[in-house]
Amino acid sequence: MGKLSTLARWIAPFLLVYASLAAAQTANPQTSSERVTADPSGQYVLIKTVVGQTGGTGGRVIPTAHPDGYDVLAYCWSPYNVLGDWAERSGLTGRMVVLAHETLAWARDLVRVGYPAEPLATAIGHYEAAMIASGLTEAARQRAIDALRSELETIARGATGAAKTRKYGGCAGPGPAVQLRYQTVPKEGRAWFIPRPLREICIAQQLDPDDSTRCDYWAAAKEAEPHFFVGEIAWLVRWPDATVARGNFDAKAVVDPGIVTLRQVGAPK
């Protein structure tokens, strides 16, 4: 009995350490999307930084001046217009990417139409905080935009020449998504795709960006139907000889009409 008690006392600290490590592993989110869900405010800061580094305004030019003022909905930001096929798959992360695009565009545009940078940044920060607190629902977005416009109106009264704002939108016409099929050469290659900003978010989270379990936005290539891609897309192909190739392409820059070709090095053309 004495030996068992001694053994128990010797083992107990190791069991406590093991239990603590196991609990920490369980508590720490293991995938990119889990990390975003677990800490929305902190992860939004990271996501906005990534979006700013990868083309924060999505190539949108400043809207043409309108006599009724600056349209805060002019760019038609939406998960589909920013991420294409990943609009739903990317979940909360994707909605944060859209929020980052939207607010970066406002920060750029509204300074150019007369709003002082510091109070403008504060107003946009209030909008972002309201959106994060609400889970980034569309209903909350409409309320938060109305509150933002009220703040902007107050700022404009003290800023000579600042443009009025309006909430018009009117997102008619084709969006930025490009419809593409794919092929691999040789044809036995297995391909996966991910929008580059989502892959960069995984890198910023210090996750392996090519591990589709941890960086959980990768999608297997669709065989029977086209993809809808927006912007720069990262791809990964496993070839029949077990080698792996990686790269990026800009959906709008694809030369072959409607087809993106992923070719193994050395494969005949």
C-alpha atoms as a PDB file:
ATOM      1  CA  MET A   1       0.000   0.000   0.000  1.00  0.00           C
ATOM      2  CA  GLY A   2       2.862   2.318   0.868  1.00  0.00           C
ATOM      3  CA  LYS A   3       4.471   1.698  -2.524  1.00  0.00           C
ATOM      4  CA  LEU A   4       1.179   2.469  -4.283  1.00  0.00           C
ATOM      5  CA  SER A   5       0.816   5.737  -2.360  1.00  0.00           C
ATOM      6  CA  THR A   6       4.361   6.725  -3.246  1.00  0.00           C
ATOM      7  CA  LEU A   7       3.759   5.851  -6.898  1.00  0.00           C
ATOM      8  CA  ALA A   8       0.513   7.816  -6.914  1.00  0.00           C
ATOM      9  CA  ARG A   9       2.237  10.865  -5.447  1.00  0.00           C
ATOM     10  CA  TRP A  10       4.969  10.568  -8.080  1.00  0.00           C
ATOM     11  CA  ILE A  11       2.529  10.181 -11.002  1.00  0.00           C
ATOM     12  CA  ALA A  12       0.003  12.820  -9.892  1.00  0.00           C
ATOM     13  CA  PRO A  13       1.974  15.880 -11.085  1.00  0.00           C
ATOM     14  CA  PHE A  14       2.461  14.308 -14.528  1.00  0.00           C
ATOM     15  CA  LEU A  15      -1.254  13.539 -14.772  1.00  0.00           C
ATOM     16  CA  LEU A  16      -2.039  17.151 -13.914  1.00  0.00           C
ATOM     17  CA  VAL A  17       0.350  18.392 -16.582  1.00  0.00           C
ATOM     18  CA  TYR A  18      -1.147  15.973 -19.127  1.00  0.00           C
ATOM     19  CA  ALA A  19      -4.682  17.025 -18.201  1.00  0.00           C
ATOM     20  CA  SER A  20      -3.744  20.694 -18.542  1.00  0.00           C
ATOM     21  CA  LEU A  21      -2.194  20.111 -21.955  1.00  0.00           C
ATOM     22  CA  ALA A  22      -5.213  18.111 -23.108  1.00  0.00           C
ATOM     23  CA  ALA A  23      -7.580  20.818 -21.892  1.00  0.00           C
ATOM     24  CA  ALA A  24      -5.540  23.515 -23.615  1.00  0.00           C
ATOM     25  CA  GLN A  25      -5.530  21.529 -26.849  1.00  0.00           C
ATOM     26  CA  THR A  26      -9.299  21.136 -26.649  1.00  0.00           C
ATOM     27  CA  ALA A  27      -9.834  24.807 -25.797  1.00  0.00           C
ATOM     28  CA  ASN A  28      -7.569  26.138 -28.552  1.00  0.00           C
ATOM     29  CA  PRO A  29      -9.457  26.152 -31.862  1.00  0.00           C
ATOM     30  CA  GLN A  30      -7.744  23.900 -34.372  1.00  0.00           C
ATOM     31  CA  THR A  31      -9.071  25.248 -37.671  1.00  0.00           C
ATOM     32  CA  SER A  32      -9.014  28.711 -39.163  1.00  0.00           C
ATOM     33  CA  SER A  33     -12.781  29.143 -39.033  1.00  0.00           C
ATOM     34  CA  GLU A  34     -12.896  27.926 -35.412  1.00  0.00           C
ATOM     35  CA  ARG A  35     -10.345  30.549 -34.449  1.00  0.00           C
ATOM     36  CA  VAL A  36     -12.447  33.265 -36.056  1.00  0.00           C
ATOM     37  CA  THR A  37     -15.586  32.071 -34.273  1.00  0.00           C
ATOM     38  CA  ALA A  38     -13.781  31.854 -30.924  1.00  0.00           C
ATOM     39  CA  ASP A  39     -12.382  35.419 -31.064  1.00  0.00           C
ATOM     40  CA  PRO A  40     -14.308  37.527 -33.591  1.00  0.00           C
ATOM     41  CA  SER A  41     -12.929  40.909 -32.511  1.00  0.00           C
ATOM     42  CA  GLY A  42      -9.287  39.861 -32.427  1.00  0.00           C
ATOM     43  CA  GLN A  43      -9.519  37.863 -35.629  1.00  0.00           C
ATOM     44  CA  TYR A  44     -11.230  40.715 -37.462  1.00  0.00           C
ATOM     45  CA  VAL A  45      -8.179  42.906 -36.837  1.00  0.00           C
ATOM     46  CA  LEU A  46      -6.017  40.162 -38.368  1.00  0.00           C
ATOM     47  CA  ILE A  47      -8.396  39.681 -41.304  1.00  0.00           C
ATOM     48  CA  LYS A  48      -8.600  43.394 -42.071  1.00  0.00           C
ATOM     49  CA  THR A  49      -4.807  43.603 -42.074  1.00  0.00           C
ATOM     50  CA  VAL A  50      -4.624  40.718 -44.556  1.00  0.00           C
ATOM     51  CA  VAL A  51      -7.311  42.238 -46.791  1.00  0.00           C
ATOM     52  CA  GLY A  52      -5.475  45.568 -46.788  1.00  0.00           C
ATOM     53  CA  GLN A  53      -2.294  43.806 -47.888  1.00  0.00           C
ATOM     54  CA  THR A  54      -4.006  41.835 -50.662  1.00  0.00           C
ATOM     55  CA  GLY A  55      -5.886  44.660 -52.363  1.00  0.00           C
ATOM     56  CA  GLY A  56      -8.288  46.084 -49.819  1.00  0.00           C
ATOM     57  CA  THR A  57     -10.623  47.915 -52.185  1.00  0.00           C
ATOM     58  CA  GLY A  58     -10.855  45.055 -54.639  1.00  0.00           C
ATOM     59  CA  GLY A  59      -9.681  47.205 -57.542  1.00  0.00           C
ATOM     60  CA  ARG A  60     -12.811  49.352 -57.297  1.00  0.00           C
ATOM     61  CA  VAL A  61     -12.401  52.887 -58.573  1.00  0.00           C
ATOM     62  CA  ILE A  62     -13.992  55.743 -56.649  1.00  0.00           C
ATOM     63  CA  PRO A  63     -17.637  56.165 -57.693  1.00  0.00           C
ATOM     64  CA  THR A  64     -18.499  59.051 -59.983  1.00  0.00           C
ATOM     65  CA  ALA A  65     -19.554  62.134 -58.032  1.00  0.00           C
ATOM     66  CA  HIS A  66     -23.311  62.404 -57.626  1.00  0.00           C
ATOM     67  CA  PRO A  67     -25.229  65.590 -56.797  1.00  0.00           C
ATOM     68  CA  ASP A  68     -27.029  63.757 -53.990  1.00  0.00           C
ATOM     69  CA  GLY A  69     -23.751  62.744 -52.359  1.00  0.00           C
ATOM     70  CA  TYR A  70     -21.519  59.709 -51.820  1.00  0.00           C
ATOM     71  CA  ASP A  71     -23.336  56.372 -52.053  1.00  0.00           C
ATOM     72  CA  VAL A  72     -22.159  54.148 -49.191  1.00  0.00           C
ATOM     73  CA  LEU A  73     -23.529  51.103 -51.041  1.00  0.00           C
ATOM     74  CA  ALA A  74     -21.989  51.927 -54.416  1.00  0.00           C
ATOM     75  CA  TYR A  75     -19.627  48.963 -54.535  1.00  0.00           C
ATOM     76  CA  CYS A  76     -22.240  46.256 -53.882  1.00  0.00           C
ATOM     77  CA  TRP A  77     -20.001  44.463 -51.403  1.00  0.00           C
ATOM     78  CA  SER A  78     -21.369  40.992 -50.668  1.00  0.00           C
ATOM     79  CA  PRO A  79     -19.822  37.582 -49.929  1.00  0.00           C
ATOM     80  CA  TYR A  80     -20.599  36.423 -53.471  1.00  0.00           C
ATOM     81  CA  ASN A  81     -19.152  39.555 -55.125  1.00  0.00           C
ATOM     82  CA  VAL A  82     -15.965  39.234 -53.078  1.00  0.00           C
ATOM     83  CA  LEU A  83     -15.513  35.441 -52.837  1.00  0.00           C
ATOM     84  CA  GLY A  84     -17.670  33.812 -55.515  1.00  0.00           C
ATOM     85  CA  ASP A  85     -18.182  30.112 -54.785  1.00  0.00           C
ATOM     86  CA  TRP A  86     -16.793  30.617 -51.275  1.00  0.00           C
ATOM     87  CA  ALA A  87     -19.590  32.999 -50.227  1.00  0.00           C
ATOM     88  CA  GLU A  88     -21.212  30.388 -47.981  1.00  0.00           C
ATOM     89  CA  ARG A  89     -18.287  28.028 -47.456  1.00  0.00           C
ATOM     90  CA  SER A  90     -16.173  30.740 -45.815  1.00  0.00           C
ATOM     91  CA  GLY A  91     -18.852  31.529 -43.212  1.00  0.00           C
ATOM     92  CA  LEU A  92     -18.029  34.206 -40.637  1.00  0.00           C
ATOM     93  CA  THR A  93     -14.508  34.591 -42.025  1.00  0.00           C
ATOM     94  CA  GLY A  94     -15.889  35.471 -45.448  1.00  0.00           C
ATOM     95  CA  ARG A  95     -18.311  38.005 -43.993  1.00  0.00           C
ATOM     96  CA  MET A  96     -15.394  39.629 -42.163  1.00  0.00           C
ATOM     97  CA  VAL A  97     -13.454  39.788 -45.435  1.00  0.00           C
ATOM     98  CA  VAL A  98     -16.403  41.643 -46.975  1.00  0.00           C
ATOM     99  CA  LEU A  99     -16.614  43.998 -43.976  1.00  0.00           C
ATOM    100  CA  ALA A 100     -12.902  44.766 -44.312  1.00  0.00           C
ATOM    101  CA  HIS A 101     -13.270  45.556 -48.035  1.00  0.00           C
ATOM    102  CA  GLU A 102     -16.249  47.789 -47.339  1.00  0.00           C
ATOM    103  CA  THR A 103     -14.646  49.798 -44.546  1.00  0.00           C
ATOM    104  CA  LEU A 104     -11.290  50.159 -46.306  1.00  0.00           C
ATOM    105  CA  ALA A 105     -13.115  51.580 -49.334  1.00  0.00           C
ATOM    106  CA  TRP A 106     -15.035  54.040 -47.153  1.00  0.00           C
ATOM    107  CA  ALA A 107     -11.847  55.148 -45.404  1.00  0.00           C
ATOM    108  CA  ARG A 108     -10.233  55.810 -48.793  1.00  0.00           C
ATOM    109  CA  ASP A 109     -13.187  57.466 -50.500  1.00  0.00           C
ATOM    110  CA  LEU A 110     -14.657  59.617 -47.750  1.00  0.00           C
ATOM    111  CA  VAL A 111     -11.351  61.339 -47.003  1.00  0.00           C
ATOM    112  CA  ARG A 112     -11.220  62.299 -50.676  1.00  0.00           C
ATOM    113  CA  VAL A 113     -14.698  63.846 -50.513  1.00  0.00           C
ATOM    114  CA  GLY A 114     -13.886  66.053 -47.558  1.00  0.00           C
ATOM    115  CA  TYR A 115     -14.103  64.019 -44.339  1.00  0.00           C
ATOM    116  CA  PRO A 116     -11.277  64.465 -41.794  1.00  0.00           C
ATOM    117  CA  ALA A 117      -9.426  61.182 -41.294  1.00  0.00           C
ATOM    118  CA  GLU A 118      -9.502  60.893 -37.489  1.00  0.00           C
ATOM    119  CA  PRO A 119     -13.229  61.331 -36.781  1.00  0.00           C
ATOM    120  CA  LEU A 120     -13.958  59.295 -39.912  1.00  0.00           C
ATOM    121  CA  ALA A 121     -11.862  56.409 -38.572  1.00  0.00           C
ATOM    122  CA  THR A 122     -13.744  56.599 -35.263  1.00  0.00           C
ATOM    123  CA  ALA A 123     -17.124  56.462 -37.022  1.00  0.00           C
ATOM    124  CA  ILE A 124     -16.054  53.511 -39.157  1.00  0.00           C
ATOM    125  CA  GLY A 125     -14.740  51.797 -36.023  1.00  0.00           C
ATOM    126  CA  HIS A 126     -18.169  52.143 -34.407  1.00  0.00           C
ATOM    127  CA  TYR A 127     -19.719  50.554 -37.501  1.00  0.00           C
ATOM    128  CA  GLU A 128     -17.265  47.651 -37.388  1.00  0.00           C
ATOM    129  CA  ALA A 129     -17.842  47.084 -33.667  1.00  0.00           C
ATOM    130  CA  ALA A 130     -21.611  46.986 -34.180  1.00  0.00           C
ATOM    131  CA  MET A 131     -21.232  44.515 -37.022  1.00  0.00           C
ATOM    132  CA  ILE A 132     -18.908  42.200 -35.096  1.00  0.00           C
ATOM    133  CA  ALA A 133     -21.204  42.262 -32.062  1.00  0.00           C
ATOM    134  CA  SER A 134     -24.181  41.299 -34.238  1.00  0.00           C
ATOM    135  CA  GLY A 135     -22.498  38.388 -35.997  1.00  0.00           C
ATOM    136  CA  LEU A 136     -22.443  40.354 -39.263  1.00  0.00           C
ATOM    137  CA  THR A 137     -26.053  39.760 -40.246  1.00  0.00           C
ATOM    138  CA  GLU A 138     -27.564  41.713 -43.133  1.00  0.00           C
ATOM    139  CA  ALA A 139     -30.298  43.169 -40.904  1.00  0.00           C
ATOM    140  CA  ALA A 140     -27.655  44.451 -38.491  1.00  0.00           C
ATOM    141  CA  ARG A 141     -25.709  45.890 -41.425  1.00  0.00           C
ATOM    142  CA  GLN A 142     -28.631  48.054 -42.508  1.00  0.00           C
ATOM    143  CA  ARG A 143     -29.045  49.411 -38.966  1.00  0.00           C
ATOM    144  CA  ALA A 144     -25.302  49.971 -38.593  1.00  0.00           C
ATOM    145  CA  ILE A 145     -25.121  51.829 -41.925  1.00  0.00           C
ATOM    146  CA  ASP A 146     -27.918  54.151 -40.804  1.00  0.00           C
ATOM    147  CA  ALA A 147     -26.021  54.828 -37.557  1.00  0.00           C
ATOM    148  CA  LEU A 148     -22.817  55.424 -39.527  1.00  0.00           C
ATOM    149  CA  ARG A 149     -24.530  57.927 -41.802  1.00  0.00           C
ATOM    150  CA  SER A 150     -25.811  59.803 -38.755  1.00  0.00           C
ATOM    151  CA  GLU A 151     -22.244  60.047 -37.445  1.00  0.00           C
ATOM    152  CA  LEU A 152     -21.000  61.138 -40.858  1.00  0.00           C
ATOM    153  CA  GLU A 153     -23.660  63.827 -40.997  1.00  0.00           C
ATOM    154  CA  THR A 154     -22.406  65.194 -37.679  1.00  0.00           C
ATOM    155  CA  ILE A 155     -18.814  65.145 -38.950  1.00  0.00           C
ATOM    156  CA  ALA A 156     -19.808  66.840 -42.221  1.00  0.00           C
ATOM    157  CA  ARG A 157     -21.398  69.763 -40.387  1.00  0.00           C
ATOM    158  CA  GLY A 158     -17.987  70.634 -39.000  1.00  0.00           C
ATOM    159  CA  ALA A 159     -16.014  69.917 -42.173  1.00  0.00           C
ATOM    160  CA  THR A 160     -16.358  72.523 -44.898  1.00  0.00           C
ATOM    161  CA  GLY A 161     -17.021  70.937 -48.267  1.00  0.00           C
ATOM    162  CA  ALA A 162     -17.634  67.384 -47.014  1.00  0.00           C
ATOM    163  CA  ALA A 163     -20.041  65.538 -49.291  1.00  0.00           C
ATOM    164  CA  LYS A 164     -23.377  64.280 -48.080  1.00  0.00           C
ATOM    165  CA  THR A 165     -23.907  60.520 -48.020  1.00  0.00           C
ATOM    166  CA  ARG A 166     -26.737  58.480 -49.414  1.00  0.00           C
ATOM    167  CA  LYS A 167     -27.763  54.818 -49.272  1.00  0.00           C
ATOM    168  CA  TYR A 168     -28.783  53.842 -52.758  1.00  0.00           C
ATOM    169  CA  GLY A 169     -26.903  50.768 -53.974  1.00  0.00           C
ATOM    170  CA  GLY A 170     -28.666  49.455 -57.030  1.00  0.00           C
ATOM    171  CA  CYS A 171     -26.467  46.458 -57.764  1.00  0.00           C
ATOM    172  CA  ALA A 172     -27.802  45.700 -61.227  1.00  0.00           C
ATOM    173  CA  GLY A 173     -25.632  44.238 -63.932  1.00  0.00           C
ATOM    174  CA  PRO A 174     -23.000  41.489 -63.884  1.00  0.00           C
ATOM    175  CA  GLY A 175     -20.885  41.076 -60.773  1.00  0.00           C
ATOM    176  CA  PRO A 176     -17.127  40.501 -60.658  1.00  0.00           C
ATOM    177  CA  ALA A 177     -17.294  36.684 -60.476  1.00  0.00           C
ATOM    178  CA  VAL A 178     -15.764  34.909 -63.478  1.00  0.00           C
ATOM    179  CA  GLN A 179     -17.260  31.591 -64.591  1.00  0.00           C
ATOM    180  CA  LEU A 180     -14.487  29.087 -65.320  1.00  0.00           C
ATOM    181  CA  ARG A 181     -14.041  25.384 -65.760  1.00  0.00           C
ATOM    182  CA  TYR A 182     -10.662  23.773 -65.198  1.00  0.00           C
ATOM    183  CA  GLN A 183      -8.493  21.061 -66.663  1.00  0.00           C
ATOM    184  CA  THR A 184      -5.259  19.443 -65.558  1.00  0.00           C
ATOM    185  CA  VAL A 185      -2.515  18.186 -67.853  1.00  0.00           C
ATOM    186  CA  PRO A 186      -2.188  15.253 -67.410  1.00  0.00           C
ATOM    187  CA  LYS A 187      -5.914  14.863 -66.824  1.00  0.00           C
ATOM    188  CA  GLU A 188      -5.438  12.546 -63.808  1.00  0.00           C
ATOM    189  CA  GLY A 189      -4.348  15.455 -61.605  1.00  0.00           C
ATOM    190  CA  ARG A 190      -6.545  16.205 -58.588  1.00  0.00           C
ATOM    191  CA  ALA A 191      -7.059  19.920 -57.966  1.00  0.00           C
ATOM    192  CA  TRP A 192      -8.186  22.134 -55.084  1.00  0.00           C
ATOM    193  CA  PHE A 193      -8.854  25.876 -55.037  1.00  0.00           C
ATOM    194  CA  ILE A 194      -9.037  28.674 -52.461  1.00  0.00           C
ATOM    195  CA  PRO A 195      -9.327  32.487 -52.802  1.00  0.00           C
ATOM    196  CA  ARG A 196      -5.913  33.943 -52.059  1.00  0.00           C
ATOM    197  CA  PRO A 197      -7.151  36.207 -49.199  1.00  0.00           C
ATOM    198  CA  LEU A 198      -8.498  33.164 -47.309  1.00  0.00           C
ATOM    199  CA  ARG A 199      -5.176  31.366 -47.737  1.00  0.00           C
ATOM    200  CA  GLU A 200      -3.321  34.470 -46.522  1.00  0.00           C
ATOM    201  CA  ILE A 201      -5.570  34.561 -43.442  1.00  0.00           C
ATOM    202  CA  CYS A 202      -4.444  31.021 -42.585  1.00  0.00           C
ATOM    203  CA  ILE A 203      -0.809  32.122 -42.927  1.00  0.00           C
ATOM    204  CA  ALA A 204      -1.445  35.096 -40.622  1.00  0.00           C
ATOM    205  CA  GLN A 205      -2.983  32.681 -38.100  1.00  0.00           C
ATOM    206  CA  GLN A 206       0.257  30.650 -38.289  1.00  0.00           C
ATOM    207  CA  LEU A 207      -1.540  27.658 -39.765  1.00  0.00           C
ATOM    208  CA  ASP A 208      -0.235  25.552 -42.638  1.00  0.00           C
ATOM    209  CA  PRO A 209      -2.052  27.220 -45.548  1.00  0.00           C
ATOM    210  CA  ASP A 210      -1.972  24.029 -47.626  1.00  0.00           C
ATOM    211  CA  ASP A 211      -3.457  21.801 -44.913  1.00  0.00           C
ATOM    212  CA  SER A 212      -7.106  21.630 -45.948  1.00  0.00           C
ATOM    213  CA  THR A 213      -8.108  20.366 -42.502  1.00  0.00           C
ATOM    214  CA  ARG A 214      -6.654  23.334 -40.602  1.00  0.00           C
ATOM    215  CA  CYS A 215      -7.037  25.944 -43.366  1.00  0.00           C
ATOM    216  CA  ASP A 216     -10.596  24.806 -43.900  1.00  0.00           C
ATOM    217  CA  TYR A 217     -11.602  26.920 -46.895  1.00  0.00           C
ATOM    218  CA  TRP A 218     -10.015  24.756 -49.585  1.00  0.00           C
ATOM    219  CA  ALA A 219     -12.539  23.284 -52.027  1.00  0.00           C
ATOM    220  CA  ALA A 220     -12.021  20.290 -54.287  1.00  0.00           C
ATOM    221  CA  ALA A 221     -12.317  21.187 -57.953  1.00  0.00           C
ATOM    222  CA  LYS A 222     -15.776  20.614 -59.412  1.00  0.00           C
ATOM    223  CA  GLU A 223     -15.821  18.127 -62.260  1.00  0.00           C
ATOM    224  CA  ALA A 224     -19.266  18.613 -63.765  1.00  0.00           C
ATOM    225  CA  GLU A 225     -19.944  22.328 -63.395  1.00  0.00           C
ATOM    226  CA  PRO A 226     -18.073  25.631 -63.632  1.00  0.00           C
ATOM    227  CA  HIS A 227     -16.551  27.528 -60.739  1.00  0.00           C
ATOM    228  CA  PHE A 228     -17.314  31.154 -59.976  1.00  0.00           C
ATOM    229  CA  PHE A 229     -14.001  32.790 -59.109  1.00  0.00           C
ATOM    230  CA  VAL A 230     -13.306  36.350 -57.959  1.00  0.00           C
ATOM    231  CA  GLY A 231      -9.839  37.885 -57.986  1.00  0.00           C
ATOM    232  CA  GLU A 232      -6.710  35.892 -57.290  1.00  0.00           C
ATOM    233  CA  ILE A 233      -7.154  32.173 -56.684  1.00  0.00           C
ATOM    234  CA  ALA A 234      -4.600  29.808 -55.148  1.00  0.00           C
ATOM    235  CA  TRP A 235      -4.549  26.242 -56.429  1.00  0.00           C
ATOM    236  CA  LEU A 236      -2.970  22.950 -55.463  1.00  0.00           C
ATOM    237  CA  VAL A 237      -2.714  19.827 -57.644  1.00  0.00           C
ATOM    238  CA  ARG A 238      -1.662  16.294 -56.718  1.00  0.00           C
ATOM    239  CA  TRP A 239      -0.283  14.562 -59.789  1.00  0.00           C
ATOM    240  CA  PRO A 240      -0.419  10.804 -60.522  1.00  0.00           C
ATOM    241  CA  ASP A 241       3.271  10.446 -59.571  1.00  0.00           C
ATOM    242  CA  ALA A 242       2.418  11.782 -56.049  1.00  0.00           C
ATOM    243  CA  THR A 243       4.130  15.144 -56.596  1.00  0.00           C
ATOM    244  CA  VAL A 244       2.292  18.316 -55.606  1.00  0.00           C
ATOM    245  CA  ALA A 245       2.208  21.630 -57.463  1.00  0.00           C
ATOM    246  CA  ARG A 246       0.986  24.994 -56.166  1.00  0.00           C
ATOM    247  CA  GLY A 247       0.327  28.348 -57.727  1.00  0.00           C
ATOM    248  CA  ASN A 248      -2.020  31.286 -58.226  1.00  0.00           C
ATOM    249  CA  PHE A 249      -3.995  32.759 -61.089  1.00  0.00           C
ATOM    250  CA  ASP A 250      -6.080  35.876 -61.558  1.00  0.00           C
ATOM    251  CA  ALA A 251      -9.561  34.819 -62.641  1.00  0.00           C
ATOM    252  CA  LYS A 252      -9.937  37.837 -64.942  1.00  0.00           C
ATOM    253  CA  ALA A 253      -6.581  37.214 -66.603  1.00  0.00           C
ATOM    254  CA  VAL A 254      -7.281  33.656 -67.779  1.00  0.00           C
ATOM    255  CA  VAL A 255      -6.524  33.619 -71.522  1.00  0.00           C
ATOM    256  CA  ASP A 256      -8.375  30.473 -72.634  1.00  0.00           C
ATOM    257  CA  PRO A 257     -12.082  31.311 -72.844  1.00  0.00           C
ATOM    258  CA  GLY A 258     -13.818  29.744 -69.879  1.00  0.00           C
ATOM    259  CA  ILE A 259     -11.024  27.316 -68.950  1.00  0.00           C
ATOM    260  CA  VAL A 260      -8.105  27.488 -66.543  1.00  0.00           C
ATOM    261  CA  THR A 261      -5.407  24.911 -67.336  1.00  0.00           C
ATOM    262  CA  LEU A 262      -3.144  23.534 -64.601  1.00  0.00           C
ATOM    263  CA  ARG A 263      -0.195  21.829 -66.260  1.00  0.00           C
ATOM    264  CA  GLN A 264       2.401  19.588 -64.636  1.00  0.00           C
ATOM    265  CA  VAL A 265       5.973  20.708 -65.265  1.00  0.00           C
ATOM    266  CA  GLY A 266       7.298  18.747 -68.224  1.00  0.00           C
ATOM    267  CA  ALA A 267       3.868  17.688 -69.475  1.00  0.00           C
ATOM    268  CA  PRO A 268       3.421  17.954 -73.273  1.00  0.00           C
ATOM    269  CA  LYS A 269       1.384  20.897 -74.538  1.00  0.00           C
END
